[in-house]
């Protein structure tokens, strides 16, 4: 099944975004957070999905990473074309994916 990121919308809380994702014919909505954390005096940007996002994409981390990168681009005011194809859903995938 194809996975598409349909929308990214900022919430009232800075750095939080509501996203809509289509997996096959099923629509899902998640909240993602983008934070900047200093590590060794160097700012590192971290993007994290809510618990529902983490559970849905537990065995599809490559797709989750692609979604996270697009949300980070949006947060950084870079152009993101939506809807965006972000991968293929690995049905029944029991081992962690490796790129």
Foldseek 3Di string as FASTA:
>chain_A
DWKWWADWADDPDQQKTWTWMQAPNDIDIWIKGWDWDADPNRTDIDIDIPPVLCVVCVQPVQLVVQVRVLNVCVSVVHDDDPRDTRDHDDPPRDDHDDD
